[in-house]
Amino acid sequence: TQKKDTINCKITKDKAEYIHFVFKHKDEVRNTLISRKDVL
C-alpha cells in the first residue's frame, strides 16, 4: 500500500479502479478490495 503495508494475499479480480483480494488475518480469512490509488 501507499502506507508501505505489505499484504500477502490472493488477488481474485484486477479491475480498473479496484483490486479484489483474499487474505488471512489472525486465522480469519477475509475477502475485500482496495482502491488502486491506495496501492504502491
ModelCIF file with pLDDT and N, C-alpha, C, O atoms, coordinates in Angstrom:
data_MODEL
#
_entry.id   MODEL 
#
_entity.id                         1 
_entity.type                       polymer 
_entity.pdbx_number_of_molecules   1 
#
_entity_poly.entity_id                      1 
_entity_poly.type                           'polypeptide(L)' 
_entity_poly.nstd_linkage                   no 
_entity_poly.nstd_monomer                   no 
_entity_poly.pdbx_seq_one_letter_code       TQKKDTINCKITKDKAEYIHFVFKHKDEVRNTLISRKDVL 
_entity_poly.pdbx_seq_one_letter_code_can   TQKKDTINCKITKDKAEYIHFVFKHKDEVRNTLISRKDVL 
_entity_poly.pdbx_strand_id                 A 
#
loop_
_entity_poly_seq.entity_id 
_entity_poly_seq.num 
_entity_poly_seq.mon_id 
_entity_poly_seq.hetero 
1 1  THR n 
1 2  GLN n 
1 3  LYS n 
1 4  LYS n 
1 5  ASP n 
1 6  THR n 
1 7  ILE n 
1 8  ASN n 
1 9  CYS n 
1 10 LYS n 
1 11 ILE n 
1 12 THR n 
1 13 LYS n 
1 14 ASP n 
1 15 LYS n 
1 16 ALA n 
1 17 GLU n 
1 18 TYR n 
1 19 ILE n 
1 20 HIS n 
1 21 PHE n 
1 22 VAL n 
1 23 PHE n 
1 24 LYS n 
1 25 HIS n 
1 26 LYS n 
1 27 ASP n 
1 28 GLU n 
1 29 VAL n 
1 30 ARG n 
1 31 ASN n 
1 32 THR n 
1 33 LEU n 
1 34 ILE n 
1 35 SER n 
1 36 ARG n 
1 37 LYS n 
1 38 ASP n 
1 39 VAL n 
1 40 LEU n 
#
_struct_asym.id          A 
_struct_asym.entity_id   1 
#
loop_
_ma_qa_metric.id 
_ma_qa_metric.mode 
_ma_qa_metric.name 
_ma_qa_metric.software_group_id 
_ma_qa_metric.type 
1 global pLDDT . pLDDT 
2 local  pLDDT . pLDDT 
#
_ma_qa_metric_global.metric_id      1 
_ma_qa_metric_global.metric_value   87.03 
_ma_qa_metric_global.model_id       1 
_ma_qa_metric_global.ordinal_id     1 
#
loop_
_ma_qa_metric_local.label_asym_id 
_ma_qa_metric_local.label_comp_id 
_ma_qa_metric_local.label_seq_id 
_ma_qa_metric_local.metric_id 
_ma_qa_metric_local.metric_value 
_ma_qa_metric_local.model_id 
_ma_qa_metric_local.ordinal_id 
A THR 1  2 92.00 1 1  
A GLN 2  2 91.00 1 2  
A LYS 3  2 90.00 1 3  
A LYS 4  2 88.00 1 4  
A ASP 5  2 90.00 1 5  
A THR 6  2 87.00 1 6  
A ILE 7  2 90.00 1 7  
A ASN 8  2 88.00 1 8  
A CYS 9  2 88.00 1 9  
A LYS 10 2 88.00 1 10 
A ILE 11 2 89.00 1 11 
A THR 12 2 87.00 1 12 
A LYS 13 2 86.00 1 13 
A ASP 14 2 88.00 1 14 
A LYS 15 2 86.00 1 15 
A ALA 16 2 84.00 1 16 
A GLU 17 2 88.00 1 17 
A TYR 18 2 89.00 1 18 
A ILE 19 2 90.00 1 19 
A HIS 20 2 87.00 1 20 
A PHE 21 2 88.00 1 21 
A VAL 22 2 87.00 1 22 
A PHE 23 2 87.00 1 23 
A LYS 24 2 84.00 1 24 
A HIS 25 2 81.00 1 25 
A LYS 26 2 79.00 1 26 
A ASP 27 2 77.00 1 27 
A GLU 28 2 79.00 1 28 
A VAL 29 2 80.00 1 29 
A ARG 30 2 81.00 1 30 
A ASN 31 2 80.00 1 31 
A THR 32 2 84.00 1 32 
A LEU 33 2 87.00 1 33 
A ILE 34 2 91.00 1 34 
A SER 35 2 90.00 1 35 
A ARG 36 2 92.00 1 36 
A LYS 37 2 92.00 1 37 
A ASP 38 2 93.00 1 38 
A VAL 39 2 92.00 1 39 
A LEU 40 2 91.00 1 40 
#
loop_
_atom_site.group_PDB 
_atom_site.id 
_atom_site.type_symbol 
_atom_site.label_atom_id 
_atom_site.label_alt_id 
_atom_site.label_comp_id 
_atom_site.label_asym_id 
_atom_site.label_entity_id 
_atom_site.label_seq_id 
_atom_site.pdbx_PDB_ins_code 
_atom_site.Cartn_x 
_atom_site.Cartn_y 
_atom_site.Cartn_z 
_atom_site.occupancy 
_atom_site.B_iso_or_equiv 
_atom_site.pdbx_formal_charge 
_atom_site.auth_seq_id 
_atom_site.auth_comp_id 
_atom_site.auth_asym_id 
_atom_site.auth_atom_id 
_atom_site.pdbx_PDB_model_num 
ATOM 1   N N  . THR A 1 1  ? 0.830   -1.204  0.000   1.00 92.00 ? 1  THR A N  1 
ATOM 2   C CA . THR A 1 1  ? 0.000   0.000   0.000   1.00 92.00 ? 1  THR A CA 1 
ATOM 3   C C  . THR A 1 1  ? 0.865   1.256   0.000   1.00 92.00 ? 1  THR A C  1 
ATOM 4   O O  . THR A 1 1  ? 2.082   1.192   0.179   1.00 92.00 ? 1  THR A O  1 
ATOM 5   N N  . GLN A 1 2  ? 0.211   2.397   -0.204  1.00 91.00 ? 2  GLN A N  1 
ATOM 6   C CA . GLN A 1 2  ? 0.907   3.683   -0.171  1.00 91.00 ? 2  GLN A CA 1 
ATOM 7   C C  . GLN A 1 2  ? 1.493   3.968   1.213   1.00 91.00 ? 2  GLN A C  1 
ATOM 8   O O  . GLN A 1 2  ? 2.428   4.756   1.353   1.00 91.00 ? 2  GLN A O  1 
ATOM 9   N N  . LYS A 1 3  ? 0.919   3.305   2.251   1.00 90.00 ? 3  LYS A N  1 
ATOM 10  C CA . LYS A 1 3  ? 1.434   3.468   3.612   1.00 90.00 ? 3  LYS A CA 1 
ATOM 11  C C  . LYS A 1 3  ? 2.546   2.469   3.919   1.00 90.00 ? 3  LYS A C  1 
ATOM 12  O O  . LYS A 1 3  ? 2.970   2.338   5.067   1.00 90.00 ? 3  LYS A O  1 
ATOM 13  N N  . LYS A 1 4  ? 3.013   1.768   2.895   1.00 88.00 ? 4  LYS A N  1 
ATOM 14  C CA . LYS A 1 4  ? 4.117   0.796   2.980   1.00 88.00 ? 4  LYS A CA 1 
ATOM 15  C C  . LYS A 1 4  ? 3.731   -0.474  3.739   1.00 88.00 ? 4  LYS A C  1 
ATOM 16  O O  . LYS A 1 4  ? 4.603   -1.188  4.234   1.00 88.00 ? 4  LYS A O  1 
ATOM 17  N N  . ASP A 1 5  ? 2.413   -0.764  3.834   1.00 90.00 ? 5  ASP A N  1 
ATOM 18  C CA . ASP A 1 5  ? 1.968   -2.023  4.414   1.00 90.00 ? 5  ASP A CA 1 
ATOM 19  C C  . ASP A 1 5  ? 2.040   -3.112  3.354   1.00 90.00 ? 5  ASP A C  1 
ATOM 20  O O  . ASP A 1 5  ? 1.655   -2.893  2.205   1.00 90.00 ? 5  ASP A O  1 
ATOM 21  N N  . THR A 1 6  ? 2.535   -4.289  3.741   1.00 87.00 ? 6  THR A N  1 
ATOM 22  C CA . THR A 1 6  ? 2.657   -5.420  2.822   1.00 87.00 ? 6  THR A CA 1 
ATOM 23  C C  . THR A 1 6  ? 1.560   -6.431  3.107   1.00 87.00 ? 6  THR A C  1 
ATOM 24  O O  . THR A 1 6  ? 1.369   -6.840  4.252   1.00 87.00 ? 6  THR A O  1 
ATOM 25  N N  . ILE A 1 7  ? 0.842   -6.832  2.072   1.00 90.00 ? 7  ILE A N  1 
ATOM 26  C CA . ILE A 1 7  ? -0.270  -7.779  2.210   1.00 90.00 ? 7  ILE A CA 1 
ATOM 27  C C  . ILE A 1 7  ? 0.039   -9.025  1.395   1.00 90.00 ? 7  ILE A C  1 
ATOM 28  O O  . ILE A 1 7  ? 0.169   -8.973  0.172   1.00 90.00 ? 7  ILE A O  1 
ATOM 29  N N  . ASN A 1 8  ? 0.155   -10.147 2.100   1.00 88.00 ? 8  ASN A N  1 
ATOM 30  C CA . ASN A 1 8  ? 0.329   -11.448 1.464   1.00 88.00 ? 8  ASN A CA 1 
ATOM 31  C C  . ASN A 1 8  ? -1.072  -11.986 1.178   1.00 88.00 ? 8  ASN A C  1 
ATOM 32  O O  . ASN A 1 8  ? -1.821  -12.271 2.112   1.00 88.00 ? 8  ASN A O  1 
ATOM 33  N N  . CYS A 1 9  ? -1.438  -12.128 -0.094  1.00 88.00 ? 9  CYS A N  1 
ATOM 34  C CA . CYS A 1 9  ? -2.843  -12.362 -0.427  1.00 88.00 ? 9  CYS A CA 1 
ATOM 35  C C  . CYS A 1 9  ? -2.981  -13.165 -1.720  1.00 88.00 ? 9  CYS A C  1 
ATOM 36  O O  . CYS A 1 9  ? -1.996  -13.569 -2.338  1.00 88.00 ? 9  CYS A O  1 
ATOM 37  N N  . LYS A 1 10 ? -4.232  -13.379 -2.101  1.00 88.00 ? 10 LYS A N  1 
ATOM 38  C CA . LYS A 1 10 ? -4.565  -13.963 -3.393  1.00 88.00 ? 10 LYS A CA 1 
ATOM 39  C C  . LYS A 1 10 ? -5.501  -12.992 -4.101  1.00 88.00 ? 10 LYS A C  1 
ATOM 40  O O  . LYS A 1 10 ? -6.627  -12.775 -3.654  1.00 88.00 ? 10 LYS A O  1 
ATOM 41  N N  . ILE A 1 11 ? -5.039  -12.406 -5.203  1.00 89.00 ? 11 ILE A N  1 
ATOM 42  C CA . ILE A 1 11 ? -5.844  -11.453 -5.962  1.00 89.00 ? 11 ILE A CA 1 
ATOM 43  C C  . ILE A 1 11 ? -6.887  -12.217 -6.770  1.00 89.00 ? 11 ILE A C  1 
ATOM 44  O O  . ILE A 1 11 ? -6.553  -13.095 -7.566  1.00 89.00 ? 11 ILE A O  1 
ATOM 45  N N  . THR A 1 12 ? -8.156  -11.870 -6.551  1.00 87.00 ? 12 THR A N  1 
ATOM 46  C CA . THR A 1 12 ? -9.247  -12.573 -7.243  1.00 87.00 ? 12 THR A CA 1 
ATOM 47  C C  . THR A 1 12 ? -9.779  -11.799 -8.445  1.00 87.00 ? 12 THR A C  1 
ATOM 48  O O  . THR A 1 12 ? -10.240 -12.401 -9.414  1.00 87.00 ? 12 THR A O  1 
ATOM 49  N N  . LYS A 1 13 ? -9.719  -10.466 -8.388  1.00 86.00 ? 13 LYS A N  1 
ATOM 50  C CA . LYS A 1 13 ? -10.147 -9.647  -9.520  1.00 86.00 ? 13 LYS A CA 1 
ATOM 51  C C  . LYS A 1 13 ? -9.241  -8.429  -9.626  1.00 86.00 ? 13 LYS A C  1 
ATOM 52  O O  . LYS A 1 13 ? -8.927  -7.782  -8.627  1.00 86.00 ? 13 LYS A O  1 
ATOM 53  N N  . ASP A 1 14 ? -8.827  -8.127  -10.847 1.00 88.00 ? 14 ASP A N  1 
ATOM 54  C CA . ASP A 1 14 ? -7.954  -6.980  -11.105 1.00 88.00 ? 14 ASP A CA 1 
ATOM 55  C C  . ASP A 1 14 ? -8.717  -6.014  -11.998 1.00 88.00 ? 14 ASP A C  1 
ATOM 56  O O  . ASP A 1 14 ? -8.647  -6.097  -13.224 1.00 88.00 ? 14 ASP A O  1 
ATOM 57  N N  . LYS A 1 15 ? -9.451  -5.090  -11.369 1.00 86.00 ? 15 LYS A N  1 
ATOM 58  C CA . LYS A 1 15 ? -10.311 -4.165  -12.103 1.00 86.00 ? 15 LYS A CA 1 
ATOM 59  C C  . LYS A 1 15 ? -9.600  -2.832  -12.332 1.00 86.00 ? 15 LYS A C  1 
ATOM 60  O O  . LYS A 1 15 ? -8.510  -2.594  -11.811 1.00 86.00 ? 15 LYS A O  1 
ATOM 61  N N  . ALA A 1 16 ? -10.244 -1.969  -13.123 1.00 84.00 ? 16 ALA A N  1 
ATOM 62  C CA . ALA A 1 16 ? -9.646  -0.684  -13.471 1.00 84.00 ? 16 ALA A CA 1 
ATOM 63  C C  . ALA A 1 16 ? -9.482  0.219   -12.260 1.00 84.00 ? 16 ALA A C  1 
ATOM 64  O O  . ALA A 1 16 ? -8.489  0.939   -12.161 1.00 84.00 ? 16 ALA A O  1 
ATOM 65  N N  . GLU A 1 17 ? -10.460 0.194   -11.314 1.00 88.00 ? 17 GLU A N  1 
ATOM 66  C CA . GLU A 1 17 ? -10.412 1.085   -10.162 1.00 88.00 ? 17 GLU A CA 1 
ATOM 67  C C  . GLU A 1 17 ? -10.093 0.375   -8.857  1.00 88.00 ? 17 GLU A C  1 
ATOM 68  O O  . GLU A 1 17 ? -9.589  0.994   -7.921  1.00 88.00 ? 17 GLU A O  1 
ATOM 69  N N  . TYR A 1 18 ? -10.385 -0.929  -8.786  1.00 89.00 ? 18 TYR A N  1 
ATOM 70  C CA . TYR A 1 18 ? -10.192 -1.661  -7.533  1.00 89.00 ? 18 TYR A CA 1 
ATOM 71  C C  . TYR A 1 18 ? -9.492  -2.993  -7.790  1.00 89.00 ? 18 TYR A C  1 
ATOM 72  O O  . TYR A 1 18 ? -9.598  -3.576  -8.869  1.00 89.00 ? 18 TYR A O  1 
ATOM 73  N N  . ILE A 1 19 ? -8.771  -3.457  -6.763  1.00 90.00 ? 19 ILE A N  1 
ATOM 74  C CA . ILE A 1 19 ? -8.180  -4.798  -6.768  1.00 90.00 ? 19 ILE A CA 1 
ATOM 75  C C  . ILE A 1 19 ? -8.882  -5.599  -5.675  1.00 90.00 ? 19 ILE A C  1 
ATOM 76  O O  . ILE A 1 19 ? -8.830  -5.231  -4.502  1.00 90.00 ? 19 ILE A O  1 
ATOM 77  N N  . HIS A 1 20 ? -9.538  -6.693  -6.059  1.00 87.00 ? 20 HIS A N  1 
ATOM 78  C CA . HIS A 1 20 ? -10.214 -7.566  -5.107  1.00 87.00 ? 20 HIS A CA 1 
ATOM 79  C C  . HIS A 1 20 ? -9.233  -8.667  -4.692  1.00 87.00 ? 20 HIS A C  1 
ATOM 80  O O  . HIS A 1 20 ? -8.533  -9.234  -5.531  1.00 87.00 ? 20 HIS A O  1 
ATOM 81  N N  . PHE A 1 21 ? -9.190  -8.964  -3.379  1.00 88.00 ? 21 PHE A N  1 
ATOM 82  C CA . PHE A 1 21 ? -8.235  -9.975  -2.933  1.00 88.00 ? 21 PHE A CA 1 
ATOM 83  C C  . PHE A 1 21 ? -8.729  -10.665 -1.661  1.00 88.00 ? 21 PHE A C  1 
ATOM 84  O O  . PHE A 1 21 ? -9.600  -10.160 -0.952  1.00 88.00 ? 21 PHE A O  1 
ATOM 85  N N  . VAL A 1 22 ? -8.139  -11.843 -1.395  1.00 87.00 ? 22 VAL A N  1 
ATOM 86  C CA . VAL A 1 22 ? -8.423  -12.632 -0.207  1.00 87.00 ? 22 VAL A CA 1 
ATOM 87  C C  . VAL A 1 22 ? -7.130  -12.733 0.598   1.00 87.00 ? 22 VAL A C  1 
ATOM 88  O O  . VAL A 1 22 ? -6.059  -12.962 0.037   1.00 87.00 ? 22 VAL A O  1 
ATOM 89  N N  . PHE A 1 23 ? -7.236  -12.562 1.916   1.00 87.00 ? 23 PHE A N  1 
ATOM 90  C CA . PHE A 1 23 ? -6.041  -12.691 2.756   1.00 87.00 ? 23 PHE A CA 1 
ATOM 91  C C  . PHE A 1 23 ? -6.436  -13.268 4.112   1.00 87.00 ? 23 PHE A C  1 
ATOM 92  O O  . PHE A 1 23 ? -7.617  -13.315 4.454   1.00 87.00 ? 23 PHE A O  1 
ATOM 93  N N  . LYS A 1 24 ? -5.457  -13.699 4.866   1.00 84.00 ? 24 LYS A N  1 
ATOM 94  C CA . LYS A 1 24 ? -5.705  -14.292 6.167   1.00 84.00 ? 24 LYS A CA 1 
ATOM 95  C C  . LYS A 1 24 ? -5.159  -13.361 7.244   1.00 84.00 ? 24 LYS A C  1 
ATOM 96  O O  . LYS A 1 24 ? -4.008  -12.929 7.184   1.00 84.00 ? 24 LYS A O  1 
ATOM 97  N N  . HIS A 1 25 ? -6.009  -13.056 8.238   1.00 81.00 ? 25 HIS A N  1 
ATOM 98  C CA . HIS A 1 25 ? -5.622  -12.192 9.351   1.00 81.00 ? 25 HIS A CA 1 
ATOM 99  C C  . HIS A 1 25 ? -6.040  -12.857 10.655  1.00 81.00 ? 25 HIS A C  1 
ATOM 100 O O  . HIS A 1 25 ? -7.229  -13.042 10.916  1.00 81.00 ? 25 HIS A O  1 
ATOM 101 N N  . LYS A 1 26 ? -5.049  -13.218 11.476  1.00 79.00 ? 26 LYS A N  1 
ATOM 102 C CA . LYS A 1 26 ? -5.296  -13.889 12.758  1.00 79.00 ? 26 LYS A CA 1 
ATOM 103 C C  . LYS A 1 26 ? -6.185  -15.114 12.580  1.00 79.00 ? 26 LYS A C  1 
ATOM 104 O O  . LYS A 1 26 ? -7.172  -15.299 13.293  1.00 79.00 ? 26 LYS A O  1 
ATOM 105 N N  . ASP A 1 27 ? -5.813  -15.939 11.617  1.00 77.00 ? 27 ASP A N  1 
ATOM 106 C CA . ASP A 1 27 ? -6.510  -17.197 11.301  1.00 77.00 ? 27 ASP A CA 1 
ATOM 107 C C  . ASP A 1 27 ? -7.915  -16.988 10.737  1.00 77.00 ? 27 ASP A C  1 
ATOM 108 O O  . ASP A 1 27 ? -8.675  -17.947 10.600  1.00 77.00 ? 27 ASP A O  1 
ATOM 109 N N  . GLU A 1 28 ? -8.263  -15.746 10.410  1.00 79.00 ? 28 GLU A N  1 
ATOM 110 C CA . GLU A 1 28 ? -9.564  -15.466 9.797   1.00 79.00 ? 28 GLU A CA 1 
ATOM 111 C C  . GLU A 1 28 ? -9.363  -15.087 8.334   1.00 79.00 ? 28 GLU A C  1 
ATOM 112 O O  . GLU A 1 28 ? -8.577  -14.192 8.023   1.00 79.00 ? 28 GLU A O  1 
ATOM 113 N N  . VAL A 1 29 ? -10.070 -15.767 7.441   1.00 80.00 ? 29 VAL A N  1 
ATOM 114 C CA . VAL A 1 29 ? -9.964  -15.493 6.012   1.00 80.00 ? 29 VAL A CA 1 
ATOM 115 C C  . VAL A 1 29 ? -10.930 -14.371 5.654   1.00 80.00 ? 29 VAL A C  1 
ATOM 116 O O  . VAL A 1 29 ? -12.120 -14.440 5.962   1.00 80.00 ? 29 VAL A O  1 
ATOM 117 N N  . ARG A 1 30 ? -10.403 -13.332 4.998   1.00 81.00 ? 30 ARG A N  1 
ATOM 118 C CA . ARG A 1 30 ? -11.217 -12.177 4.649   1.00 81.00 ? 30 ARG A CA 1 
ATOM 119 C C  . ARG A 1 30 ? -11.178 -11.924 3.143   1.00 81.00 ? 30 ARG A C  1 
ATOM 120 O O  . ARG A 1 30 ? -10.157 -12.128 2.486   1.00 81.00 ? 30 ARG A O  1 
ATOM 121 N N  . ASN A 1 31 ? -12.302 -11.481 2.625   1.00 80.00 ? 31 ASN A N  1 
ATOM 122 C CA . ASN A 1 31 ? -12.434 -11.140 1.213   1.00 80.00 ? 31 ASN A CA 1 
ATOM 123 C C  . ASN A 1 31 ? -12.756 -9.660  1.119   1.00 80.00 ? 31 ASN A C  1 
ATOM 124 O O  . ASN A 1 31 ? -13.787 -9.228  1.634   1.00 80.00 ? 31 ASN A O  1 
ATOM 125 N N  . THR A 1 32 ? -11.895 -8.860  0.471   1.00 84.00 ? 32 THR A N  1 
ATOM 126 C CA . THR A 1 32 ? -12.083 -7.413  0.442   1.00 84.00 ? 32 THR A CA 1 
ATOM 127 C C  . THR A 1 32 ? -11.535 -6.844  -0.862  1.00 84.00 ? 32 THR A C  1 
ATOM 128 O O  . THR A 1 32 ? -11.214 -7.577  -1.797  1.00 84.00 ? 32 THR A O  1 
ATOM 129 N N  . LEU A 1 33 ? -11.436 -5.520  -0.898  1.00 87.00 ? 33 LEU A N  1 
ATOM 130 C CA . LEU A 1 33 ? -10.881 -4.856  -2.072  1.00 87.00 ? 33 LEU A CA 1 
ATOM 131 C C  . LEU A 1 33 ? -10.141 -3.607  -1.626  1.00 87.00 ? 33 LEU A C  1 
ATOM 132 O O  . LEU A 1 33 ? -10.294 -3.149  -0.493  1.00 87.00 ? 33 LEU A O  1 
ATOM 133 N N  . ILE A 1 34 ? -9.344  -3.067  -2.522  1.00 91.00 ? 34 ILE A N  1 
ATOM 134 C CA . ILE A 1 34 ? -8.577  -1.862  -2.240  1.00 91.00 ? 34 ILE A CA 1 
ATOM 135 C C  . ILE A 1 34 ? -8.550  -1.000  -3.499  1.00 91.00 ? 34 ILE A C  1 
ATOM 136 O O  . ILE A 1 34 ? -8.432  -1.513  -4.612  1.00 91.00 ? 34 ILE A O  1 
ATOM 137 N N  . SER A 1 35 ? -8.658  0.301   -3.312  1.00 90.00 ? 35 SER A N  1 
ATOM 138 C CA . SER A 1 35 ? -8.614  1.216   -4.441  1.00 90.00 ? 35 SER A CA 1 
ATOM 139 C C  . SER A 1 35 ? -7.205  1.255   -5.028  1.00 90.00 ? 35 SER A C  1 
ATOM 140 O O  . SER A 1 35 ? -6.223  1.202   -4.287  1.00 90.00 ? 35 SER A O  1 
ATOM 141 N N  . ARG A 1 36 ? -7.102  1.345   -6.324  1.00 92.00 ? 36 ARG A N  1 
ATOM 142 C CA . ARG A 1 36 ? -5.784  1.370   -6.982  1.00 92.00 ? 36 ARG A CA 1 
ATOM 143 C C  . ARG A 1 36 ? -4.955  2.586   -6.552  1.00 92.00 ? 36 ARG A C  1 
ATOM 144 O O  . ARG A 1 36 ? -3.726  2.530   -6.523  1.00 92.00 ? 36 ARG A O  1 
ATOM 145 N N  . LYS A 1 37 ? -5.644  3.689   -6.218  1.00 92.00 ? 37 LYS A N  1 
ATOM 146 C CA . LYS A 1 37 ? -4.896  4.877   -5.810  1.00 92.00 ? 37 LYS A CA 1 
ATOM 147 C C  . LYS A 1 37 ? -4.208  4.679   -4.458  1.00 92.00 ? 37 LYS A C  1 
ATOM 148 O O  . LYS A 1 37 ? -3.303  5.434   -4.105  1.00 92.00 ? 37 LYS A O  1 
ATOM 149 N N  . ASP A 1 38 ? -4.643  3.648   -3.690  1.00 93.00 ? 38 ASP A N  1 
ATOM 150 C CA . ASP A 1 38 ? -4.019  3.352   -2.402  1.00 93.00 ? 38 ASP A CA 1 
ATOM 151 C C  . ASP A 1 38 ? -2.943  2.280   -2.519  1.00 93.00 ? 38 ASP A C  1 
ATOM 152 O O  . ASP A 1 38 ? -2.360  1.877   -1.514  1.00 93.00 ? 38 ASP A O  1 
ATOM 153 N N  . VAL A 1 39 ? -2.675  1.814   -3.744  1.00 92.00 ? 39 VAL A N  1 
ATOM 154 C CA . VAL A 1 39 ? -1.694  0.741   -3.968  1.00 92.00 ? 39 VAL A CA 1 
ATOM 155 C C  . VAL A 1 39 ? -0.409  1.322   -4.539  1.00 92.00 ? 39 VAL A C  1 
ATOM 156 O O  . VAL A 1 39 ? -0.423  2.019   -5.554  1.00 92.00 ? 39 VAL A O  1 
ATOM 157 N N  . LEU A 1 40 ? 0.698   1.027   -3.875  1.00 91.00 ? 40 LEU A N  1 
ATOM 158 C CA . LEU A 1 40 ? 2.009   1.448   -4.360  1.00 91.00 ? 40 LEU A CA 1 
ATOM 159 C C  . LEU A 1 40 ? 2.573   0.436   -5.354  1.00 91.00 ? 40 LEU A C  1 
ATOM 160 O O  . LEU A 1 40 ? 3.675   0.626   -5.870  1.00 91.00 ? 40 LEU A O  1 
#
